[in-house]
Amino acid sequence: MKNNKFINKIICADTLELLPQIEDNSIDVVLTDPPYFLDKLDNNWDYEEVSSKNNQYTIKSLPAGMKFDREQGKRFYTWYLDISKEIFRILKPGGFFFSFSSPRLYHRMASAIDDVGFEIRDTFMWLYTQNQAKAMGVDHFIKKMNIDEKAKEKIKEKLNGWKTPQIKSCFEPIAMAQKPTDQTYLNNMLKHEVGMFNTNIKIGNNMYPANVFTIDSINELIDRAFLLPKPTKKEKGEYNDHKTVKPLAICEYLIKLSAFSKNAVVLDPFIGSGTTAVAAKKLGKNYIGIDANEKYVKISEKRLRELDEKPDLFRNIANIEKQEKRSLQIQLQIA
């Protein structure tokens, strides 16, 4: 097997330094959640700084990701263009590239992926209900105005409810790109064992796979079509303090859709706390994980060990039972 020294390992390294060591046309699927390049969240982001109490207060210092800087997108595009070039090289013909993003800079990410030769096949949408409302009022600025108090109160009353244009974000886009196939899809699947989707995979109440999914029970209609199991604290690991842990069910869903070969290799160049690797291993696929943060590498390795030692932690038993019960209720209503 190619890439023997990297297969089924989590490597602590800079992604742009390690990717050139991966062999050409050797990876089936790349699934990753890269730095979004929002304020304080670029490729040099520091966990301690972002988590500091000094970053939790809007006025003194905006929380990470809330400042708006037009240069963010340009920096992200330039950086991700280099990442995408390497990913294009190492993916097999017809291989898939799934990349999480933020709504604000998704267009930059998709452009970088597209510009190196990928075909943007679709955009997946992770729908959620729990998120921070980011709009800010301006009362603190009004308070500092050099006018009398009565005038300040009039302005506050006039602008009551009007805030900065940062509404509550309730979805996360995921680019789904594909390296061009070697001749036809059939030829590519027979030769490289990748390039088509497994439509036997179901979502929600045994529904055909969709490009929308959620782990939050929202209502009967949405749940029936798009619901995936919600992660538990035990699944994530109570020791896991990564700020953006992705749900295991989402990573499993994307890998099930796209990884055909029994020897398929799933690569995550920004492995974080290891969810992509856990999902790949759980599904019997090979994985390669890369992260520059030694702390996250250790968390990833611990979660992978737990998958061997305590597999029930990753089964989402309670959520599966809840979905089965809801499914039965819906079937009875239809009947």
C-alpha atoms as a PDB file:
ATOM      1  CA  MET A   1       0.000   0.000   0.000  1.00  0.00           C
ATOM      2  CA  LYS A   2       1.175   3.512  -0.784  1.00  0.00           C
ATOM      3  CA  ASN A   3       2.048   5.979   2.010  1.00  0.00           C
ATOM      4  CA  ASN A   4       2.841   3.137   4.432  1.00  0.00           C
ATOM      5  CA  LYS A   5       4.635   5.393   6.916  1.00  0.00           C
ATOM      6  CA  PHE A   6       1.536   7.596   7.232  1.00  0.00           C
ATOM      7  CA  ILE A   7      -1.348   5.123   6.995  1.00  0.00           C
ATOM      8  CA  ASN A   8      -3.540   4.931  10.114  1.00  0.00           C
ATOM      9  CA  LYS A   9      -1.453   7.518  11.939  1.00  0.00           C
ATOM     10  CA  ILE A  10      -1.962  11.017  13.288  1.00  0.00           C
ATOM     11  CA  ILE A  11       1.061  13.127  12.406  1.00  0.00           C
ATOM     12  CA  CYS A  12       2.061  16.297  14.202  1.00  0.00           C
ATOM     13  CA  ALA A  13       3.289  18.539  11.382  1.00  0.00           C
ATOM     14  CA  ASP A  14       2.567  21.608   9.310  1.00  0.00           C
ATOM     15  CA  THR A  15       0.164  20.497   6.602  1.00  0.00           C
ATOM     16  CA  LEU A  16       1.928  22.324   3.784  1.00  0.00           C
ATOM     17  CA  GLU A  17       5.198  20.683   4.782  1.00  0.00           C
ATOM     18  CA  LEU A  18       3.816  17.151   5.059  1.00  0.00           C
ATOM     19  CA  LEU A  19       1.400  16.985   2.107  1.00  0.00           C
ATOM     20  CA  PRO A  20       4.260  17.006  -0.466  1.00  0.00           C
ATOM     21  CA  GLN A  21       5.402  13.705   1.074  1.00  0.00           C
ATOM     22  CA  ILE A  22       2.089  12.004   0.219  1.00  0.00           C
ATOM     23  CA  GLU A  23       2.237  10.032  -3.032  1.00  0.00           C
ATOM     24  CA  ASP A  24       0.426  11.161  -6.195  1.00  0.00           C
ATOM     25  CA  ASN A  25      -3.033   9.722  -6.886  1.00  0.00           C
ATOM     26  CA  SER A  26      -3.090   7.743  -3.642  1.00  0.00           C
ATOM     27  CA  ILE A  27      -5.959   9.174  -1.552  1.00  0.00           C
ATOM     28  CA  ASP A  28      -9.657   8.348  -2.012  1.00  0.00           C
ATOM     29  CA  VAL A  29     -11.311  11.034   0.102  1.00  0.00           C
ATOM     30  CA  VAL A  30     -10.165  14.240   1.791  1.00  0.00           C
ATOM     31  CA  LEU A  31     -12.516  15.393   4.541  1.00  0.00           C
ATOM     32  CA  THR A  32     -11.476  18.409   6.577  1.00  0.00           C
ATOM     33  CA  ASP A  33     -12.455  21.455   8.581  1.00  0.00           C
ATOM     34  CA  PRO A  34      -9.684  24.006   7.913  1.00  0.00           C
ATOM     35  CA  PRO A  35      -9.015  27.270   9.750  1.00  0.00           C
ATOM     36  CA  TYR A  36     -11.622  29.744   8.487  1.00  0.00           C
ATOM     37  CA  PHE A  37      -9.360  32.808   8.570  1.00  0.00           C
ATOM     38  CA  LEU A  38     -11.892  34.841  10.504  1.00  0.00           C
ATOM     39  CA  ASP A  39     -10.365  37.148  13.116  1.00  0.00           C
ATOM     40  CA  LYS A  40      -7.884  35.231  15.322  1.00  0.00           C
ATOM     41  CA  LEU A  41      -8.806  31.983  13.524  1.00  0.00           C
ATOM     42  CA  ASP A  42      -6.272  31.788  10.696  1.00  0.00           C
ATOM     43  CA  ASN A  43      -3.599  29.132  10.121  1.00  0.00           C
ATOM     44  CA  ASN A  44      -1.596  30.530  13.041  1.00  0.00           C
ATOM     45  CA  TRP A  45      -4.470  30.583  15.517  1.00  0.00           C
ATOM     46  CA  ASP A  46      -3.562  29.929  19.123  1.00  0.00           C
ATOM     47  CA  TYR A  47      -5.920  27.862  21.269  1.00  0.00           C
ATOM     48  CA  GLU A  48      -5.039  29.631  24.521  1.00  0.00           C
ATOM     49  CA  GLU A  49      -5.479  33.090  22.998  1.00  0.00           C
ATOM     50  CA  VAL A  50      -8.816  32.275  21.379  1.00  0.00           C
ATOM     51  CA  SER A  51     -10.092  30.670  24.601  1.00  0.00           C
ATOM     52  CA  SER A  52      -8.909  33.497  26.841  1.00  0.00           C
ATOM     53  CA  LYS A  53     -11.484  35.332  28.929  1.00  0.00           C
ATOM     54  CA  ASN A  54     -10.194  38.519  27.329  1.00  0.00           C
ATOM     55  CA  ASN A  55     -11.811  37.366  24.101  1.00  0.00           C
ATOM     56  CA  GLN A  56     -15.233  36.724  25.584  1.00  0.00           C
ATOM     57  CA  TYR A  57     -16.407  40.312  25.910  1.00  0.00           C
ATOM     58  CA  THR A  58     -17.777  42.184  22.939  1.00  0.00           C
ATOM     59  CA  ILE A  59     -16.723  45.734  23.803  1.00  0.00           C
ATOM     60  CA  LYS A  60     -13.257  45.219  25.281  1.00  0.00           C
ATOM     61  CA  SER A  61     -12.166  42.688  22.695  1.00  0.00           C
ATOM     62  CA  LEU A  62     -14.474  41.116  20.124  1.00  0.00           C
ATOM     63  CA  PRO A  63     -14.782  37.332  20.443  1.00  0.00           C
ATOM     64  CA  ALA A  64     -12.735  35.399  17.909  1.00  0.00           C
ATOM     65  CA  GLY A  65     -14.343  35.355  14.494  1.00  0.00           C
ATOM     66  CA  MET A  66     -16.469  38.497  14.869  1.00  0.00           C
ATOM     67  CA  LYS A  67     -14.245  41.226  13.457  1.00  0.00           C
ATOM     68  CA  PHE A  68     -14.836  41.991   9.787  1.00  0.00           C
ATOM     69  CA  ASP A  69     -11.707  42.451   7.713  1.00  0.00           C
ATOM     70  CA  ARG A  70     -11.803  42.490   3.911  1.00  0.00           C
ATOM     71  CA  GLU A  71      -8.255  41.117   3.805  1.00  0.00           C
ATOM     72  CA  GLN A  72      -9.311  37.921   5.586  1.00  0.00           C
ATOM     73  CA  GLY A  73     -10.782  36.429   2.442  1.00  0.00           C
ATOM     74  CA  LYS A  74      -7.762  37.313   0.313  1.00  0.00           C
ATOM     75  CA  ARG A  75      -5.354  35.749   2.803  1.00  0.00           C
ATOM     76  CA  PHE A  76      -7.527  32.659   3.082  1.00  0.00           C
ATOM     77  CA  TYR A  77      -7.791  32.239  -0.701  1.00  0.00           C
ATOM     78  CA  THR A  78      -4.010  32.492  -1.189  1.00  0.00           C
ATOM     79  CA  TRP A  79      -3.304  30.001   1.592  1.00  0.00           C
ATOM     80  CA  TYR A  80      -6.031  27.526   0.614  1.00  0.00           C
ATOM     81  CA  LEU A  81      -4.995  27.637  -3.028  1.00  0.00           C
ATOM     82  CA  ASP A  82      -1.665  26.069  -1.997  1.00  0.00           C
ATOM     83  CA  ILE A  83      -3.463  23.502   0.168  1.00  0.00           C
ATOM     84  CA  SER A  84      -5.861  22.638  -2.664  1.00  0.00           C
ATOM     85  CA  LYS A  85      -3.026  22.185  -5.176  1.00  0.00           C
ATOM     86  CA  GLU A  86      -1.501  19.485  -2.997  1.00  0.00           C
ATOM     87  CA  ILE A  87      -4.849  17.829  -2.341  1.00  0.00           C
ATOM     88  CA  PHE A  88      -5.567  17.779  -6.082  1.00  0.00           C
ATOM     89  CA  ARG A  89      -2.233  16.054  -6.682  1.00  0.00           C
ATOM     90  CA  ILE A  90      -2.640  13.342  -4.046  1.00  0.00           C
ATOM     91  CA  LEU A  91      -6.275  12.437  -4.701  1.00  0.00           C
ATOM     92  CA  LYS A  92      -6.982   9.595  -7.091  1.00  0.00           C
ATOM     93  CA  PRO A  93      -8.821  10.472 -10.319  1.00  0.00           C
ATOM     94  CA  GLY A  94     -12.454  10.872  -9.289  1.00  0.00           C
ATOM     95  CA  GLY A  95     -11.454  11.330  -5.636  1.00  0.00           C
ATOM     96  CA  PHE A  96     -13.592  13.547  -3.403  1.00  0.00           C
ATOM     97  CA  PHE A  97     -12.709  16.644  -1.411  1.00  0.00           C
ATOM     98  CA  PHE A  98     -15.130  17.718   1.360  1.00  0.00           C
ATOM     99  CA  SER A  99     -14.229  21.006   3.029  1.00  0.00           C
ATOM    100  CA  PHE A 100     -16.191  22.676   5.837  1.00  0.00           C
ATOM    101  CA  SER A 101     -16.309  26.460   5.776  1.00  0.00           C
ATOM    102  CA  SER A 102     -18.023  29.540   7.173  1.00  0.00           C
ATOM    103  CA  PRO A 103     -20.848  31.256   5.257  1.00  0.00           C
ATOM    104  CA  ARG A 104     -18.836  34.484   5.186  1.00  0.00           C
ATOM    105  CA  LEU A 105     -15.777  33.081   3.391  1.00  0.00           C
ATOM    106  CA  TYR A 106     -17.210  30.041   1.611  1.00  0.00           C
ATOM    107  CA  HIS A 107     -16.902  31.765  -1.778  1.00  0.00           C
ATOM    108  CA  ARG A 108     -13.148  32.215  -1.268  1.00  0.00           C
ATOM    109  CA  MET A 109     -12.702  28.576  -0.316  1.00  0.00           C
ATOM    110  CA  ALA A 110     -14.747  27.295  -3.249  1.00  0.00           C
ATOM    111  CA  SER A 111     -12.846  29.565  -5.639  1.00  0.00           C
ATOM    112  CA  ALA A 112      -9.477  28.260  -4.416  1.00  0.00           C
ATOM    113  CA  ILE A 113     -10.630  24.654  -4.831  1.00  0.00           C
ATOM    114  CA  ASP A 114     -12.083  25.334  -8.265  1.00  0.00           C
ATOM    115  CA  ASP A 115      -9.048  27.268  -9.507  1.00  0.00           C
ATOM    116  CA  VAL A 116      -6.634  24.332  -9.053  1.00  0.00           C
ATOM    117  CA  GLY A 117      -8.712  22.052 -11.283  1.00  0.00           C
ATOM    118  CA  PHE A 118     -11.393  20.500  -9.088  1.00  0.00           C
ATOM    119  CA  GLU A 119     -15.002  20.286 -10.181  1.00  0.00           C
ATOM    120  CA  ILE A 120     -17.346  21.715  -7.546  1.00  0.00           C
ATOM    121  CA  ARG A 121     -20.018  19.032  -7.623  1.00  0.00           C
ATOM    122  CA  ASP A 122     -22.268  20.282  -4.836  1.00  0.00           C
ATOM    123  CA  THR A 123     -22.510  22.139  -1.547  1.00  0.00           C
ATOM    124  CA  PHE A 124     -23.676  20.305   1.550  1.00  0.00           C
ATOM    125  CA  MET A 125     -25.450  22.252   4.278  1.00  0.00           C
ATOM    126  CA  TRP A 126     -25.198  21.394   7.958  1.00  0.00           C
ATOM    127  CA  LEU A 127     -28.300  22.927   9.505  1.00  0.00           C
ATOM    128  CA  TYR A 128     -28.274  23.732  13.203  1.00  0.00           C
ATOM    129  CA  THR A 129     -30.277  25.667  15.782  1.00  0.00           C
ATOM    130  CA  GLN A 130     -27.715  26.274  18.533  1.00  0.00           C
ATOM    131  CA  ASN A 131     -25.349  29.139  17.817  1.00  0.00           C
ATOM    132  CA  GLN A 132     -24.284  32.490  19.216  1.00  0.00           C
ATOM    133  CA  ALA A 133     -26.249  35.539  18.088  1.00  0.00           C
ATOM    134  CA  LYS A 134     -23.454  37.823  16.863  1.00  0.00           C
ATOM    135  CA  ALA A 135     -25.255  41.094  16.133  1.00  0.00           C
ATOM    136  CA  MET A 136     -24.191  43.958  18.390  1.00  0.00           C
ATOM    137  CA  GLY A 137     -26.076  47.012  19.598  1.00  0.00           C
ATOM    138  CA  VAL A 138     -24.520  50.482  19.624  1.00  0.00           C
ATOM    139  CA  ASP A 139     -25.654  51.726  23.039  1.00  0.00           C
ATOM    140  CA  HIS A 140     -22.065  51.853  24.280  1.00  0.00           C
ATOM    141  CA  PHE A 141     -21.124  54.165  21.396  1.00  0.00           C
ATOM    142  CA  ILE A 142     -24.158  56.364  22.003  1.00  0.00           C
ATOM    143  CA  LYS A 143     -23.131  56.640  25.657  1.00  0.00           C
ATOM    144  CA  LYS A 144     -19.780  58.107  24.585  1.00  0.00           C
ATOM    145  CA  MET A 145     -21.322  60.749  22.320  1.00  0.00           C
ATOM    146  CA  ASN A 146     -20.684  64.356  23.326  1.00  0.00           C
ATOM    147  CA  ILE A 147     -24.353  65.275  23.653  1.00  0.00           C
ATOM    148  CA  ASP A 148     -26.745  65.622  26.557  1.00  0.00           C
ATOM    149  CA  GLU A 149     -28.398  62.610  28.161  1.00  0.00           C
ATOM    150  CA  LYS A 150     -31.840  63.415  26.804  1.00  0.00           C
ATOM    151  CA  ALA A 151     -30.542  63.376  23.227  1.00  0.00           C
ATOM    152  CA  LYS A 152     -28.768  60.080  23.875  1.00  0.00           C
ATOM    153  CA  GLU A 153     -31.995  58.501  25.096  1.00  0.00           C
ATOM    154  CA  LYS A 154     -33.822  59.694  21.977  1.00  0.00           C
ATOM    155  CA  ILE A 155     -31.207  58.062  19.757  1.00  0.00           C
ATOM    156  CA  LYS A 156     -31.370  54.832  21.751  1.00  0.00           C
ATOM    157  CA  GLU A 157     -35.145  54.789  21.425  1.00  0.00           C
ATOM    158  CA  LYS A 158     -34.961  55.519  17.694  1.00  0.00           C
ATOM    159  CA  LEU A 159     -32.479  52.683  17.095  1.00  0.00           C
ATOM    160  CA  ASN A 160     -34.081  50.211  19.491  1.00  0.00           C
ATOM    161  CA  GLY A 161     -33.594  46.686  18.134  1.00  0.00           C
ATOM    162  CA  TRP A 162     -31.312  47.780  15.292  1.00  0.00           C
ATOM    163  CA  LYS A 163     -27.919  46.097  15.444  1.00  0.00           C
ATOM    164  CA  THR A 164     -24.888  45.370  13.293  1.00  0.00           C
ATOM    165  CA  PRO A 165     -25.602  43.104  10.261  1.00  0.00           C
ATOM    166  CA  GLN A 166     -24.428  39.849  11.862  1.00  0.00           C
ATOM    167  CA  ILE A 167     -27.491  37.721  12.407  1.00  0.00           C
ATOM    168  CA  LYS A 168     -27.504  34.317  14.043  1.00  0.00           C
ATOM    169  CA  SER A 169     -25.843  31.848  11.687  1.00  0.00           C
ATOM    170  CA  CYS A 170     -27.754  28.562  11.492  1.00  0.00           C
ATOM    171  CA  PHE A 171     -25.900  26.621   8.830  1.00  0.00           C
ATOM    172  CA  GLU A 172     -22.407  25.586   7.847  1.00  0.00           C
ATOM    173  CA  PRO A 173     -21.562  25.039   4.171  1.00  0.00           C
ATOM    174  CA  ILE A 174     -19.374  22.134   3.063  1.00  0.00           C
ATOM    175  CA  ALA A 175     -17.861  22.198  -0.408  1.00  0.00           C
ATOM    176  CA  MET A 176     -18.006  18.884  -2.233  1.00  0.00           C
ATOM    177  CA  ALA A 177     -15.425  18.841  -4.997  1.00  0.00           C
ATOM    178  CA  GLN A 178     -14.158  16.058  -7.234  1.00  0.00           C
ATOM    179  CA  LYS A 179     -10.936  15.520  -9.101  1.00  0.00           C
ATOM    180  CA  PRO A 180     -11.798  14.903 -12.787  1.00  0.00           C
ATOM    181  CA  THR A 181     -12.380  11.241 -13.566  1.00  0.00           C
ATOM    182  CA  ASP A 182     -10.253   9.019 -15.752  1.00  0.00           C
ATOM    183  CA  GLN A 183     -12.599   8.740 -18.767  1.00  0.00           C
ATOM    184  CA  THR A 184     -16.129   7.697 -17.752  1.00  0.00           C
ATOM    185  CA  TYR A 185     -17.464   7.219 -14.209  1.00  0.00           C
ATOM    186  CA  LEU A 186     -17.739   3.482 -14.858  1.00  0.00           C
ATOM    187  CA  ASN A 187     -14.146   3.282 -16.102  1.00  0.00           C
ATOM    188  CA  ASN A 188     -12.952   5.321 -13.132  1.00  0.00           C
ATOM    189  CA  MET A 189     -14.743   3.127 -10.585  1.00  0.00           C
ATOM    190  CA  LEU A 190     -13.390  -0.074 -12.127  1.00  0.00           C
ATOM    191  CA  LYS A 191      -9.847   1.290 -12.377  1.00  0.00           C
ATOM    192  CA  HIS A 192      -9.493   3.489  -9.257  1.00  0.00           C
ATOM    193  CA  GLU A 193     -12.434   2.338  -7.060  1.00  0.00           C
ATOM    194  CA  VAL A 194     -13.654   5.866  -6.412  1.00  0.00           C
ATOM    195  CA  GLY A 195     -15.742   8.511  -8.152  1.00  0.00           C
ATOM    196  CA  MET A 196     -19.392   7.659  -7.528  1.00  0.00           C
ATOM    197  CA  PHE A 197     -21.777   8.007  -4.564  1.00  0.00           C
ATOM    198  CA  ASN A 198     -23.369   5.173  -2.626  1.00  0.00           C
ATOM    199  CA  THR A 199     -27.092   5.948  -2.790  1.00  0.00           C
ATOM    200  CA  ASN A 200     -27.871   2.936  -0.597  1.00  0.00           C
ATOM    201  CA  ILE A 201     -26.876   5.172   2.314  1.00  0.00           C
ATOM    202  CA  LYS A 202     -29.968   6.622   3.951  1.00  0.00           C
ATOM    203  CA  ILE A 203     -30.624   9.695   6.046  1.00  0.00           C
ATOM    204  CA  GLY A 204     -33.437  10.691   8.397  1.00  0.00           C
ATOM    205  CA  ASN A 205     -36.281   8.190   8.230  1.00  0.00           C
ATOM    206  CA  ASN A 206     -34.620   5.895   5.668  1.00  0.00           C
ATOM    207  CA  MET A 207     -34.637   8.678   3.057  1.00  0.00           C
ATOM    208  CA  TYR A 208     -32.503   9.029  -0.090  1.00  0.00           C
ATOM    209  CA  PRO A 209     -29.187  10.794   0.692  1.00  0.00           C
ATOM    210  CA  ALA A 210     -29.420  14.571   0.605  1.00  0.00           C
ATOM    211  CA  ASN A 211     -27.046  17.539   0.619  1.00  0.00           C
ATOM    212  CA  VAL A 212     -28.717  18.894   3.769  1.00  0.00           C
ATOM    213  CA  PHE A 213     -28.396  17.338   7.198  1.00  0.00           C
ATOM    214  CA  THR A 214     -28.872  18.204  10.848  1.00  0.00           C
ATOM    215  CA  ILE A 215     -28.147  16.613  14.202  1.00  0.00           C
ATOM    216  CA  ASP A 216     -30.772  18.772  15.935  1.00  0.00           C
ATOM    217  CA  SER A 217     -34.361  17.589  16.058  1.00  0.00           C
ATOM    218  CA  ILE A 218     -36.199  20.544  14.488  1.00  0.00           C
ATOM    219  CA  ASN A 219     -39.614  19.368  13.348  1.00  0.00           C
ATOM    220  CA  GLU A 220     -41.224  16.235  11.972  1.00  0.00           C
ATOM    221  CA  LEU A 221     -40.744  17.116   8.301  1.00  0.00           C
ATOM    222  CA  ILE A 222     -37.072  18.120   8.563  1.00  0.00           C
ATOM    223  CA  ASP A 223     -36.230  15.257  10.924  1.00  0.00           C
ATOM    224  CA  ARG A 224     -37.751  12.714   8.560  1.00  0.00           C
ATOM    225  CA  ALA A 225     -35.627  13.909   5.638  1.00  0.00           C
ATOM    226  CA  PHE A 226     -32.355  15.134   7.146  1.00  0.00           C
ATOM    227  CA  LEU A 227     -31.740  14.005  10.759  1.00  0.00           C
ATOM    228  CA  LEU A 228     -28.472  12.318  11.762  1.00  0.00           C
ATOM    229  CA  PRO A 229     -27.561  11.063  15.266  1.00  0.00           C
ATOM    230  CA  LYS A 230     -26.471  13.768  17.685  1.00  0.00           C
ATOM    231  CA  PRO A 231     -23.076  13.299  19.385  1.00  0.00           C
ATOM    232  CA  THR A 232     -22.845  12.596  23.085  1.00  0.00           C
ATOM    233  CA  LYS A 233     -20.264  14.024  25.475  1.00  0.00           C
ATOM    234  CA  LYS A 234     -18.820  10.530  25.871  1.00  0.00           C
ATOM    235  CA  GLU A 235     -18.388  10.208  22.123  1.00  0.00           C
ATOM    236  CA  LYS A 236     -16.446  13.483  21.983  1.00  0.00           C
ATOM    237  CA  GLY A 237     -14.478  12.623  25.116  1.00  0.00           C
ATOM    238  CA  GLU A 238     -14.913  14.681  28.270  1.00  0.00           C
ATOM    239  CA  TYR A 239     -11.200  15.560  28.032  1.00  0.00           C
ATOM    240  CA  ASN A 240     -11.708  16.937  24.518  1.00  0.00           C
ATOM    241  CA  ASP A 241     -11.663  20.738  24.747  1.00  0.00           C
ATOM    242  CA  HIS A 242     -11.287  21.442  21.034  1.00  0.00           C
ATOM    243  CA  LYS A 243     -13.557  24.377  20.185  1.00  0.00           C
ATOM    244  CA  THR A 244     -15.025  23.001  16.948  1.00  0.00           C
ATOM    245  CA  VAL A 245     -15.486  19.238  17.337  1.00  0.00           C
ATOM    246  CA  LYS A 246     -17.415  17.936  14.337  1.00  0.00           C
ATOM    247  CA  PRO A 247     -20.185  15.367  14.927  1.00  0.00           C
ATOM    248  CA  LEU A 248     -19.094  11.808  14.211  1.00  0.00           C
ATOM    249  CA  ALA A 249     -22.338  11.060  12.365  1.00  0.00           C
ATOM    250  CA  ILE A 250     -21.651  13.791   9.781  1.00  0.00           C
ATOM    251  CA  CYS A 251     -18.164  12.498   9.020  1.00  0.00           C
ATOM    252  CA  GLU A 252     -19.485   8.937   8.829  1.00  0.00           C
ATOM    253  CA  TYR A 253     -22.234  10.011   6.437  1.00  0.00           C
ATOM    254  CA  LEU A 254     -19.820  11.712   4.021  1.00  0.00           C
ATOM    255  CA  ILE A 255     -17.348   8.816   4.118  1.00  0.00           C
ATOM    256  CA  LYS A 256     -20.102   6.235   3.558  1.00  0.00           C
ATOM    257  CA  LEU A 257     -21.296   8.198   0.539  1.00  0.00           C
ATOM    258  CA  SER A 258     -17.905   8.497  -1.132  1.00  0.00           C
ATOM    259  CA  ALA A 259     -15.379   5.822  -0.007  1.00  0.00           C
ATOM    260  CA  PHE A 260     -15.957   2.652  -2.045  1.00  0.00           C
ATOM    261  CA  SER A 261     -12.747   0.617  -1.829  1.00  0.00           C
ATOM    262  CA  LYS A 262     -12.192  -1.635   1.174  1.00  0.00           C
ATOM    263  CA  ASN A 263      -8.655  -0.195   1.205  1.00  0.00           C
ATOM    264  CA  ALA A 264      -9.816   3.402   0.807  1.00  0.00           C
ATOM    265  CA  VAL A 265      -7.672   6.071   2.471  1.00  0.00           C
ATOM    266  CA  VAL A 266      -9.387   9.087   4.047  1.00  0.00           C
ATOM    267  CA  LEU A 267      -7.126  12.066   4.709  1.00  0.00           C
ATOM    268  CA  ASP A 268      -7.791  14.995   7.031  1.00  0.00           C
ATOM    269  CA  PRO A 269      -5.023  17.620   6.780  1.00  0.00           C
ATOM    270  CA  PHE A 270      -6.482  19.552   9.749  1.00  0.00           C
ATOM    271  CA  ILE A 271      -7.510  16.647  11.945  1.00  0.00           C
ATOM    272  CA  GLY A 272      -8.223  18.681  15.104  1.00  0.00           C
ATOM    273  CA  SER A 273      -9.612  16.321  17.731  1.00  0.00           C
ATOM    274  CA  GLY A 274      -9.699  13.368  15.339  1.00  0.00           C
ATOM    275  CA  THR A 275     -13.342  12.905  14.334  1.00  0.00           C
ATOM    276  CA  THR A 276     -12.534  12.152  10.679  1.00  0.00           C
ATOM    277  CA  ALA A 277     -10.045   9.456  11.691  1.00  0.00           C
ATOM    278  CA  VAL A 278     -12.476   7.946  14.217  1.00  0.00           C
ATOM    279  CA  ALA A 279     -15.214   7.838  11.562  1.00  0.00           C
ATOM    280  CA  ALA A 280     -12.910   6.256   8.967  1.00  0.00           C
ATOM    281  CA  LYS A 281     -11.621   3.623  11.403  1.00  0.00           C
ATOM    282  CA  LYS A 282     -15.120   2.847  12.635  1.00  0.00           C
ATOM    283  CA  LEU A 283     -16.180   2.225   9.014  1.00  0.00           C
ATOM    284  CA  GLY A 284     -13.193  -0.015   8.293  1.00  0.00           C
ATOM    285  CA  LYS A 285     -11.343   2.526   6.147  1.00  0.00           C
ATOM    286  CA  ASN A 286      -7.743   3.708   6.414  1.00  0.00           C
ATOM    287  CA  TYR A 287      -6.969   7.220   7.579  1.00  0.00           C
ATOM    288  CA  ILE A 288      -4.201   9.804   7.679  1.00  0.00           C
ATOM    289  CA  GLY A 289      -4.507  12.743  10.049  1.00  0.00           C
ATOM    290  CA  ILE A 290      -2.323  15.842  10.206  1.00  0.00           C
ATOM    291  CA  ASP A 291      -2.310  18.655  12.736  1.00  0.00           C
ATOM    292  CA  ALA A 292       0.315  21.192  13.784  1.00  0.00           C
ATOM    293  CA  ASN A 293      -0.974  21.261  17.368  1.00  0.00           C
ATOM    294  CA  GLU A 294       0.577  18.504  19.509  1.00  0.00           C
ATOM    295  CA  LYS A 295      -2.264  18.747  22.024  1.00  0.00           C
ATOM    296  CA  TYR A 296      -4.864  17.936  19.364  1.00  0.00           C
ATOM    297  CA  VAL A 297      -2.759  15.077  18.023  1.00  0.00           C
ATOM    298  CA  LYS A 298      -2.761  13.498  21.490  1.00  0.00           C
ATOM    299  CA  ILE A 299      -6.538  14.003  21.811  1.00  0.00           C
ATOM    300  CA  SER A 300      -7.040  12.346  18.409  1.00  0.00           C
ATOM    301  CA  GLU A 301      -4.869   9.389  19.365  1.00  0.00           C
ATOM    302  CA  LYS A 302      -6.728   8.959  22.647  1.00  0.00           C
ATOM    303  CA  ARG A 303     -10.105   8.928  20.880  1.00  0.00           C
ATOM    304  CA  LEU A 304      -8.829   6.307  18.433  1.00  0.00           C
ATOM    305  CA  ARG A 305      -7.637   4.130  21.317  1.00  0.00           C
ATOM    306  CA  GLU A 306     -11.033   4.476  22.961  1.00  0.00           C
ATOM    307  CA  LEU A 307     -12.679   3.284  19.745  1.00  0.00           C
ATOM    308  CA  ASP A 308     -10.783   0.001  20.205  1.00  0.00           C
ATOM    309  CA  GLU A 309     -11.215  -0.227  23.966  1.00  0.00           C
ATOM    310  CA  LYS A 310     -14.729   1.214  24.415  1.00  0.00           C
ATOM    311  CA  PRO A 311     -16.556   0.983  21.052  1.00  0.00           C
ATOM    312  CA  ASP A 312     -19.948   1.584  22.670  1.00  0.00           C
ATOM    313  CA  LEU A 313     -18.904   5.186  23.334  1.00  0.00           C
ATOM    314  CA  PHE A 314     -19.174   5.825  19.605  1.00  0.00           C
ATOM    315  CA  ARG A 315     -22.469   4.083  18.877  1.00  0.00           C
ATOM    316  CA  ASN A 316     -24.901   6.906  19.739  1.00  0.00           C
ATOM    317  CA  ILE A 317     -27.202   4.294  21.230  1.00  0.00           C
ATOM    318  CA  ALA A 318     -29.584   6.775  22.863  1.00  0.00           C
ATOM    319  CA  ASN A 319     -29.885   8.844  19.708  1.00  0.00           C
ATOM    320  CA  ILE A 320     -30.406   5.808  17.477  1.00  0.00           C
ATOM    321  CA  GLU A 321     -33.182   4.573  19.777  1.00  0.00           C
ATOM    322  CA  LYS A 322     -34.750   8.051  19.709  1.00  0.00           C
ATOM    323  CA  GLN A 323     -34.650   8.121  15.899  1.00  0.00           C
ATOM    324  CA  GLU A 324     -36.089   4.597  15.646  1.00  0.00           C
ATOM    325  CA  LYS A 325     -38.926   5.596  17.977  1.00  0.00           C
ATOM    326  CA  ARG A 326     -39.621   8.754  15.941  1.00  0.00           C
ATOM    327  CA  SER A 327     -39.480   6.719  12.728  1.00  0.00           C
ATOM    328  CA  LEU A 328     -42.063   4.283  14.100  1.00  0.00           C
ATOM    329  CA  GLN A 329     -44.325   7.152  15.167  1.00  0.00           C
ATOM    330  CA  ILE A 330     -44.158   8.689  11.686  1.00  0.00           C
ATOM    331  CA  GLN A 331     -44.918   5.326  10.041  1.00  0.00           C
ATOM    332  CA  LEU A 332     -47.946   4.854  12.292  1.00  0.00           C
ATOM    333  CA  GLN A 333     -49.195   8.351  11.449  1.00  0.00           C
ATOM    334  CA  ILE A 334     -48.840   7.680   7.720  1.00  0.00           C
ATOM    335  CA  ALA A 335     -50.622   4.348   8.094  1.00  0.00           C
END
